[in-house]
Amino acid sequence: MSARIAVVTGGNKGIGFEISRQLARRGVNVVLTARDKSRGLHAVRVLQAERLNVVFHALDVTDTRSVAALARYMIQVHCRCDILVNNAGISLRGSGKSVLTTALHDFAVTFDTNFYGALRMCQALVPFMAQQRYGRVVNLASGMGQLGSMEDGWAAYRVSKTALNALTRMVAAAAHGRGVLVNSVCPGWVRTDMGGPAAARSVQKGAQTAVWLALLPDAGPTGGFFRDRRHIPW
């Protein structure tokens, strides 16, 4: 069998870039996507210089036409898509506000990427995975979206990640028995542009569980939420 093929959204930097690197090092052919073409191409050149099999395709997960174009590319050029990592996500500047003071616009903008972006990608690619009877979907969620420990602050980001976890459960149920495993991952507090330099984890550590979920065996879990390869509560 030929190498698996993965799509990683928001792969030009941070956790997405490192997930792309770790997957490629494990023999996966990676389609690294990003909104910014120049940054995406630069990221691919860095990984190709490491002799990794990574190519670039432009993608804006907030644009339905862009998502459809990426799906057509996967079907027509690669004839399959084995792995989807929904990594693209945002947290607006100054978004650490209370739910009582966060503008509705901030909720809408955050949801458009963090929830609807992943939904668009799942609707575009999971049926294709189900037809081929194989697929792995990894949604980059966050412990900030856990209902059991929900607090105020960062309201739009928190709720978008809670919704993403609900999407994980629903897509896992929709694809049940069709060879597609769908899970959420909390990477922890990682030193990225979003996490900041004081974060406890390196991007290498933050990417590890997502990569593990992307490469699960057929008998692996589905519909779960994981940190450090262990189930965590919703």
C-alpha atoms as a PDB file:
ATOM      1  CA  MET A   1       0.000   0.000   0.000  1.00  0.00           C
ATOM      2  CA  SER A   2       1.238   3.498  -0.810  1.00  0.00           C
ATOM      3  CA  ALA A   3       1.905   6.083   1.885  1.00  0.00           C
ATOM      4  CA  ARG A   4      -0.992   7.730   3.690  1.00  0.00           C
ATOM      5  CA  ILE A   5      -1.964  11.239   2.618  1.00  0.00           C
ATOM      6  CA  ALA A   6      -2.814  13.933   5.193  1.00  0.00           C
ATOM      7  CA  VAL A   7      -4.316  17.418   5.033  1.00  0.00           C
ATOM      8  CA  VAL A   8      -3.217  19.761   7.812  1.00  0.00           C
ATOM      9  CA  THR A   9      -5.036  23.075   8.075  1.00  0.00           C
ATOM     10  CA  GLY A  10      -3.165  26.126   9.339  1.00  0.00           C
ATOM     11  CA  GLY A  11       0.100  24.293   8.788  1.00  0.00           C
ATOM     12  CA  ASN A  12       2.433  27.190   8.101  1.00  0.00           C
ATOM     13  CA  LYS A  13       3.438  27.738  11.744  1.00  0.00           C
ATOM     14  CA  GLY A  14       3.114  26.591  15.329  1.00  0.00           C
ATOM     15  CA  ILE A  15       1.468  23.280  16.145  1.00  0.00           C
ATOM     16  CA  GLY A  16       0.194  22.786  12.596  1.00  0.00           C
ATOM     17  CA  PHE A  17       3.701  23.088  11.185  1.00  0.00           C
ATOM     18  CA  GLU A  18       5.076  20.646  13.735  1.00  0.00           C
ATOM     19  CA  ILE A  19       2.243  18.158  13.140  1.00  0.00           C
ATOM     20  CA  SER A  20       3.076  18.323   9.424  1.00  0.00           C
ATOM     21  CA  ARG A  21       6.739  17.679  10.187  1.00  0.00           C
ATOM     22  CA  GLN A  22       6.094  14.761  12.543  1.00  0.00           C
ATOM     23  CA  LEU A  23       3.619  13.110  10.178  1.00  0.00           C
ATOM     24  CA  ALA A  24       6.025  13.451   7.245  1.00  0.00           C
ATOM     25  CA  ARG A  25       8.847  11.983   9.339  1.00  0.00           C
ATOM     26  CA  ARG A  26       6.626   8.943   9.840  1.00  0.00           C
ATOM     27  CA  GLY A  27       6.258   8.463   6.095  1.00  0.00           C
ATOM     28  CA  VAL A  28       2.976  10.307   5.549  1.00  0.00           C
ATOM     29  CA  ASN A  29       2.602  12.478   2.450  1.00  0.00           C
ATOM     30  CA  VAL A  30       1.431  15.837   3.805  1.00  0.00           C
ATOM     31  CA  VAL A  31      -0.621  18.534   2.101  1.00  0.00           C
ATOM     32  CA  LEU A  32       0.207  21.566   4.224  1.00  0.00           C
ATOM     33  CA  THR A  33      -2.439  24.273   3.883  1.00  0.00           C
ATOM     34  CA  ALA A  34      -2.551  27.924   4.880  1.00  0.00           C
ATOM     35  CA  ARG A  35      -4.416  31.088   3.983  1.00  0.00           C
ATOM     36  CA  ASP A  36      -1.234  33.027   3.275  1.00  0.00           C
ATOM     37  CA  LYS A  37       0.397  31.539   0.172  1.00  0.00           C
ATOM     38  CA  SER A  38       3.852  33.015   0.765  1.00  0.00           C
ATOM     39  CA  ARG A  39       3.998  31.767   4.357  1.00  0.00           C
ATOM     40  CA  GLY A  40       2.675  28.389   3.367  1.00  0.00           C
ATOM     41  CA  LEU A  41       5.232  27.984   0.593  1.00  0.00           C
ATOM     42  CA  HIS A  42       8.010  29.043   2.945  1.00  0.00           C
ATOM     43  CA  ALA A  43       6.927  26.424   5.487  1.00  0.00           C
ATOM     44  CA  VAL A  44       6.901  23.749   2.785  1.00  0.00           C
ATOM     45  CA  ARG A  45      10.374  24.732   1.584  1.00  0.00           C
ATOM     46  CA  VAL A  46      11.694  24.348   5.140  1.00  0.00           C
ATOM     47  CA  LEU A  47      10.235  20.856   5.418  1.00  0.00           C
ATOM     48  CA  GLN A  48      11.292  19.849   1.922  1.00  0.00           C
ATOM     49  CA  ALA A  49      14.835  20.901   2.832  1.00  0.00           C
ATOM     50  CA  GLU A  50      14.592  18.210   5.532  1.00  0.00           C
ATOM     51  CA  ARG A  51      13.787  15.743   2.721  1.00  0.00           C
ATOM     52  CA  LEU A  52      10.192  15.391   3.829  1.00  0.00           C
ATOM     53  CA  ASN A  53       7.332  14.736   1.423  1.00  0.00           C
ATOM     54  CA  VAL A  54       5.252  17.874   1.932  1.00  0.00           C
ATOM     55  CA  VAL A  55       3.402  19.986  -0.637  1.00  0.00           C
ATOM     56  CA  PHE A  56       1.410  23.205  -0.318  1.00  0.00           C
ATOM     57  CA  HIS A  57      -2.177  24.011  -1.183  1.00  0.00           C
ATOM     58  CA  ALA A  58      -3.843  27.306  -0.381  1.00  0.00           C
ATOM     59  CA  LEU A  59      -6.837  27.040   1.929  1.00  0.00           C
ATOM     60  CA  ASP A  60      -9.052  29.453   3.812  1.00  0.00           C
ATOM     61  CA  VAL A  61     -11.316  27.391   6.063  1.00  0.00           C
ATOM     62  CA  THR A  62     -13.727  30.333   6.347  1.00  0.00           C
ATOM     63  CA  ASP A  63     -14.343  30.269   2.575  1.00  0.00           C
ATOM     64  CA  THR A  64     -16.599  27.477   1.319  1.00  0.00           C
ATOM     65  CA  ARG A  65     -15.244  27.799  -2.227  1.00  0.00           C
ATOM     66  CA  SER A  66     -11.672  27.451  -0.970  1.00  0.00           C
ATOM     67  CA  VAL A  67     -12.600  24.331   0.985  1.00  0.00           C
ATOM     68  CA  ALA A  68     -14.341  22.875  -2.080  1.00  0.00           C
ATOM     69  CA  ALA A  69     -11.253  23.568  -4.206  1.00  0.00           C
ATOM     70  CA  LEU A  70      -9.052  21.735  -1.713  1.00  0.00           C
ATOM     71  CA  ALA A  71     -11.439  18.758  -1.699  1.00  0.00           C
ATOM     72  CA  ARG A  72     -11.406  18.628  -5.502  1.00  0.00           C
ATOM     73  CA  TYR A  73      -7.615  18.706  -5.460  1.00  0.00           C
ATOM     74  CA  MET A  74      -7.454  15.776  -3.036  1.00  0.00           C
ATOM     75  CA  ILE A  75      -9.920  13.730  -5.089  1.00  0.00           C
ATOM     76  CA  GLN A  76      -8.571  14.556  -8.549  1.00  0.00           C
ATOM     77  CA  VAL A  77      -4.824  14.675  -7.847  1.00  0.00           C
ATOM     78  CA  HIS A  78      -4.323  12.274  -4.950  1.00  0.00           C
ATOM     79  CA  CYS A  79      -7.481  10.166  -5.413  1.00  0.00           C
ATOM     80  CA  ARG A  80      -7.847   9.929  -1.649  1.00  0.00           C
ATOM     81  CA  CYS A  81      -7.519  11.630   1.702  1.00  0.00           C
ATOM     82  CA  ASP A  82      -6.538   9.465   4.644  1.00  0.00           C
ATOM     83  CA  ILE A  83      -5.965  12.002   7.419  1.00  0.00           C
ATOM     84  CA  LEU A  84      -7.518  15.381   8.186  1.00  0.00           C
ATOM     85  CA  VAL A  85      -6.037  17.511  10.957  1.00  0.00           C
ATOM     86  CA  ASN A  86      -8.288  20.466  11.727  1.00  0.00           C
ATOM     87  CA  ASN A  87      -5.636  22.654  13.289  1.00  0.00           C
ATOM     88  CA  ALA A  88      -6.552  26.110  11.953  1.00  0.00           C
ATOM     89  CA  GLY A  89      -7.786  28.271  14.809  1.00  0.00           C
ATOM     90  CA  ILE A  90      -7.821  31.818  16.089  1.00  0.00           C
ATOM     91  CA  SER A  91      -8.126  33.767  19.295  1.00  0.00           C
ATOM     92  CA  LEU A  92      -8.785  37.429  18.632  1.00  0.00           C
ATOM     93  CA  ARG A  93      -6.512  40.032  20.155  1.00  0.00           C
ATOM     94  CA  GLY A  94      -7.938  41.273  23.424  1.00  0.00           C
ATOM     95  CA  SER A  95     -10.373  38.356  23.518  1.00  0.00           C
ATOM     96  CA  GLY A  96      -9.793  37.419  27.154  1.00  0.00           C
ATOM     97  CA  LYS A  97     -13.007  39.174  28.135  1.00  0.00           C
ATOM     98  CA  SER A  98     -15.969  38.000  30.152  1.00  0.00           C
ATOM     99  CA  VAL A  99     -18.866  36.360  28.357  1.00  0.00           C
ATOM    100  CA  LEU A 100     -20.942  39.326  29.542  1.00  0.00           C
ATOM    101  CA  THR A 101     -18.796  41.879  27.718  1.00  0.00           C
ATOM    102  CA  THR A 102     -17.592  40.001  24.631  1.00  0.00           C
ATOM    103  CA  ALA A 103     -19.059  41.444  21.449  1.00  0.00           C
ATOM    104  CA  LEU A 104     -21.281  39.165  19.391  1.00  0.00           C
ATOM    105  CA  HIS A 105     -19.052  39.963  16.429  1.00  0.00           C
ATOM    106  CA  ASP A 106     -16.104  38.395  18.267  1.00  0.00           C
ATOM    107  CA  PHE A 107     -18.095  35.212  18.798  1.00  0.00           C
ATOM    108  CA  ALA A 108     -19.059  35.133  15.115  1.00  0.00           C
ATOM    109  CA  VAL A 109     -15.512  35.687  13.824  1.00  0.00           C
ATOM    110  CA  THR A 110     -14.022  33.119  16.205  1.00  0.00           C
ATOM    111  CA  PHE A 111     -16.651  30.526  15.385  1.00  0.00           C
ATOM    112  CA  ASP A 112     -16.167  31.015  11.650  1.00  0.00           C
ATOM    113  CA  THR A 113     -12.649  29.608  11.890  1.00  0.00           C
ATOM    114  CA  ASN A 114     -12.627  27.418  14.983  1.00  0.00           C
ATOM    115  CA  PHE A 115     -15.977  25.669  14.515  1.00  0.00           C
ATOM    116  CA  TYR A 116     -17.400  26.329  11.065  1.00  0.00           C
ATOM    117  CA  GLY A 117     -13.960  25.918   9.501  1.00  0.00           C
ATOM    118  CA  ALA A 118     -13.660  22.399  10.903  1.00  0.00           C
ATOM    119  CA  LEU A 119     -17.281  21.674   9.975  1.00  0.00           C
ATOM    120  CA  ARG A 120     -16.661  22.744   6.381  1.00  0.00           C
ATOM    121  CA  MET A 121     -13.606  20.505   6.193  1.00  0.00           C
ATOM    122  CA  CYS A 122     -15.431  17.523   7.660  1.00  0.00           C
ATOM    123  CA  GLN A 123     -18.386  17.939   5.325  1.00  0.00           C
ATOM    124  CA  ALA A 124     -16.013  18.169   2.355  1.00  0.00           C
ATOM    125  CA  LEU A 125     -13.701  15.250   3.173  1.00  0.00           C
ATOM    126  CA  VAL A 126     -15.268  12.801   5.619  1.00  0.00           C
ATOM    127  CA  PRO A 127     -17.806  11.415   3.087  1.00  0.00           C
ATOM    128  CA  PHE A 128     -14.842  10.789   0.760  1.00  0.00           C
ATOM    129  CA  MET A 129     -13.023   9.003   3.595  1.00  0.00           C
ATOM    130  CA  ALA A 130     -16.101   6.914   4.312  1.00  0.00           C
ATOM    131  CA  GLN A 131     -16.291   5.844   0.666  1.00  0.00           C
ATOM    132  CA  GLN A 132     -12.698   4.654   0.801  1.00  0.00           C
ATOM    133  CA  ARG A 133     -13.414   2.938   4.159  1.00  0.00           C
ATOM    134  CA  TYR A 134     -10.509   4.634   5.890  1.00  0.00           C
ATOM    135  CA  GLY A 135      -9.988   7.970   7.584  1.00  0.00           C
ATOM    136  CA  ARG A 136      -8.578   9.721  10.618  1.00  0.00           C
ATOM    137  CA  VAL A 137      -9.876  13.121  11.706  1.00  0.00           C
ATOM    138  CA  VAL A 138      -8.113  15.040  14.466  1.00  0.00           C
ATOM    139  CA  ASN A 139      -9.685  18.231  15.802  1.00  0.00           C
ATOM    140  CA  LEU A 140      -7.373  20.587  17.719  1.00  0.00           C
ATOM    141  CA  ALA A 141      -9.529  21.497  20.689  1.00  0.00           C
ATOM    142  CA  SER A 142      -8.522  22.883  24.100  1.00  0.00           C
ATOM    143  CA  GLY A 143      -8.954  22.226  27.777  1.00  0.00           C
ATOM    144  CA  MET A 144     -10.446  25.718  27.881  1.00  0.00           C
ATOM    145  CA  GLY A 145     -13.500  24.215  26.180  1.00  0.00           C
ATOM    146  CA  GLN A 146     -14.089  21.502  28.780  1.00  0.00           C
ATOM    147  CA  LEU A 147     -17.537  21.891  30.319  1.00  0.00           C
ATOM    148  CA  GLY A 148     -16.540  20.317  33.622  1.00  0.00           C
ATOM    149  CA  SER A 149     -14.003  23.054  34.337  1.00  0.00           C
ATOM    150  CA  MET A 150     -15.589  25.911  32.382  1.00  0.00           C
ATOM    151  CA  GLU A 151     -14.840  29.403  33.688  1.00  0.00           C
ATOM    152  CA  ASP A 152     -15.433  32.958  32.545  1.00  0.00           C
ATOM    153  CA  GLY A 153     -12.910  34.788  30.368  1.00  0.00           C
ATOM    154  CA  TRP A 154     -11.789  34.086  26.799  1.00  0.00           C
ATOM    155  CA  ALA A 155     -15.476  33.494  26.181  1.00  0.00           C
ATOM    156  CA  ALA A 156     -15.544  33.271  22.373  1.00  0.00           C
ATOM    157  CA  TYR A 157     -12.530  30.976  22.222  1.00  0.00           C
ATOM    158  CA  ARG A 158     -13.823  28.711  24.993  1.00  0.00           C
ATOM    159  CA  VAL A 159     -17.275  28.279  23.470  1.00  0.00           C
ATOM    160  CA  SER A 160     -15.851  27.671  19.986  1.00  0.00           C
ATOM    161  CA  LYS A 161     -13.725  24.813  21.336  1.00  0.00           C
ATOM    162  CA  THR A 162     -16.689  23.349  23.228  1.00  0.00           C
ATOM    163  CA  ALA A 163     -18.615  23.397  19.955  1.00  0.00           C
ATOM    164  CA  LEU A 164     -15.661  21.757  18.197  1.00  0.00           C
ATOM    165  CA  ASN A 165     -15.786  18.924  20.726  1.00  0.00           C
ATOM    166  CA  ALA A 166     -19.490  18.481  19.994  1.00  0.00           C
ATOM    167  CA  LEU A 167     -18.615  18.300  16.296  1.00  0.00           C
ATOM    168  CA  THR A 168     -16.100  15.564  17.059  1.00  0.00           C
ATOM    169  CA  ARG A 169     -18.771  13.477  18.751  1.00  0.00           C
ATOM    170  CA  MET A 170     -21.283  14.017  15.960  1.00  0.00           C
ATOM    171  CA  VAL A 171     -18.920  13.265  13.074  1.00  0.00           C
ATOM    172  CA  ALA A 172     -17.631  10.186  14.900  1.00  0.00           C
ATOM    173  CA  ALA A 173     -21.221   8.957  15.204  1.00  0.00           C
ATOM    174  CA  ALA A 174     -22.019   9.781  11.570  1.00  0.00           C
ATOM    175  CA  ALA A 175     -18.954   7.860  10.359  1.00  0.00           C
ATOM    176  CA  HIS A 176     -19.274   4.952  12.777  1.00  0.00           C
ATOM    177  CA  GLY A 177     -18.576   1.586  11.191  1.00  0.00           C
ATOM    178  CA  ARG A 178     -17.145   3.116   8.026  1.00  0.00           C
ATOM    179  CA  GLY A 179     -13.461   3.017   8.892  1.00  0.00           C
ATOM    180  CA  VAL A 180     -13.234   6.678   9.956  1.00  0.00           C
ATOM    181  CA  LEU A 181     -11.979   7.530  13.465  1.00  0.00           C
ATOM    182  CA  VAL A 182     -12.674  11.049  14.719  1.00  0.00           C
ATOM    183  CA  ASN A 183     -11.161  12.499  17.895  1.00  0.00           C
ATOM    184  CA  SER A 184     -10.379  15.772  19.653  1.00  0.00           C
ATOM    185  CA  VAL A 185      -7.049  16.639  21.208  1.00  0.00           C
ATOM    186  CA  CYS A 186      -5.978  19.192  23.783  1.00  0.00           C
ATOM    187  CA  PRO A 187      -2.320  19.937  23.007  1.00  0.00           C
ATOM    188  CA  GLY A 188      -1.811  21.732  26.310  1.00  0.00           C
ATOM    189  CA  TRP A 189      -0.420  25.224  26.775  1.00  0.00           C
ATOM    190  CA  VAL A 190       2.111  25.432  23.953  1.00  0.00           C
ATOM    191  CA  ARG A 191       4.732  28.043  23.051  1.00  0.00           C
ATOM    192  CA  THR A 192       3.148  29.374  19.866  1.00  0.00           C
ATOM    193  CA  ASP A 193       2.018  32.812  18.703  1.00  0.00           C
ATOM    194  CA  MET A 194      -1.284  32.120  20.460  1.00  0.00           C
ATOM    195  CA  GLY A 195       0.132  30.453  23.565  1.00  0.00           C
ATOM    196  CA  GLY A 196       2.944  32.954  24.074  1.00  0.00           C
ATOM    197  CA  PRO A 197       6.559  32.481  25.164  1.00  0.00           C
ATOM    198  CA  ALA A 198       5.657  31.670  28.785  1.00  0.00           C
ATOM    199  CA  ALA A 199       3.722  28.528  27.855  1.00  0.00           C
ATOM    200  CA  ALA A 200       4.841  25.306  29.502  1.00  0.00           C
ATOM    201  CA  ARG A 201       5.095  23.091  26.414  1.00  0.00           C
ATOM    202  CA  SER A 202       7.181  23.030  23.268  1.00  0.00           C
ATOM    203  CA  VAL A 203       5.461  22.668  19.909  1.00  0.00           C
ATOM    204  CA  GLN A 204       7.090  19.252  19.605  1.00  0.00           C
ATOM    205  CA  LYS A 205       5.328  18.067  22.757  1.00  0.00           C
ATOM    206  CA  GLY A 206       2.107  19.793  21.782  1.00  0.00           C
ATOM    207  CA  ALA A 207       1.968  18.000  18.444  1.00  0.00           C
ATOM    208  CA  GLN A 208       2.633  14.474  19.684  1.00  0.00           C
ATOM    209  CA  THR A 209      -0.865  13.379  20.677  1.00  0.00           C
ATOM    210  CA  ALA A 210      -2.404  14.819  17.500  1.00  0.00           C
ATOM    211  CA  VAL A 211       0.083  12.786  15.449  1.00  0.00           C
ATOM    212  CA  TRP A 212      -0.699   9.669  17.495  1.00  0.00           C
ATOM    213  CA  LEU A 213      -4.426  10.125  16.812  1.00  0.00           C
ATOM    214  CA  ALA A 214      -3.754  10.702  13.114  1.00  0.00           C
ATOM    215  CA  LEU A 215      -2.007   7.327  12.911  1.00  0.00           C
ATOM    216  CA  LEU A 216      -4.374   5.222  15.011  1.00  0.00           C
ATOM    217  CA  PRO A 217      -4.817   1.560  14.066  1.00  0.00           C
ATOM    218  CA  ASP A 218      -8.202   0.399  12.828  1.00  0.00           C
ATOM    219  CA  ALA A 219      -9.206  -0.716  16.328  1.00  0.00           C
ATOM    220  CA  GLY A 220      -8.331   2.692  17.805  1.00  0.00           C
ATOM    221  CA  PRO A 221     -10.724   4.945  19.713  1.00  0.00           C
ATOM    222  CA  THR A 222     -13.206   7.300  18.112  1.00  0.00           C
ATOM    223  CA  GLY A 223     -15.352  10.093  19.504  1.00  0.00           C
ATOM    224  CA  GLY A 224     -12.887  10.807  22.319  1.00  0.00           C
ATOM    225  CA  PHE A 225     -11.027  13.763  23.815  1.00  0.00           C
ATOM    226  CA  PHE A 226      -7.323  13.250  24.545  1.00  0.00           C
ATOM    227  CA  ARG A 227      -4.330  14.890  26.167  1.00  0.00           C
ATOM    228  CA  ASP A 228      -0.959  13.132  26.343  1.00  0.00           C
ATOM    229  CA  ARG A 229      -2.568  10.054  24.737  1.00  0.00           C
ATOM    230  CA  ARG A 230      -5.050   9.709  27.587  1.00  0.00           C
ATOM    231  CA  HIS A 231      -8.795  10.256  27.624  1.00  0.00           C
ATOM    232  CA  ILE A 232      -9.853  13.461  29.362  1.00  0.00           C
ATOM    233  CA  PRO A 233     -13.391  14.566  30.340  1.00  0.00           C
ATOM    234  CA  TRP A 234     -15.507  16.690  28.026  1.00  0.00           C
END
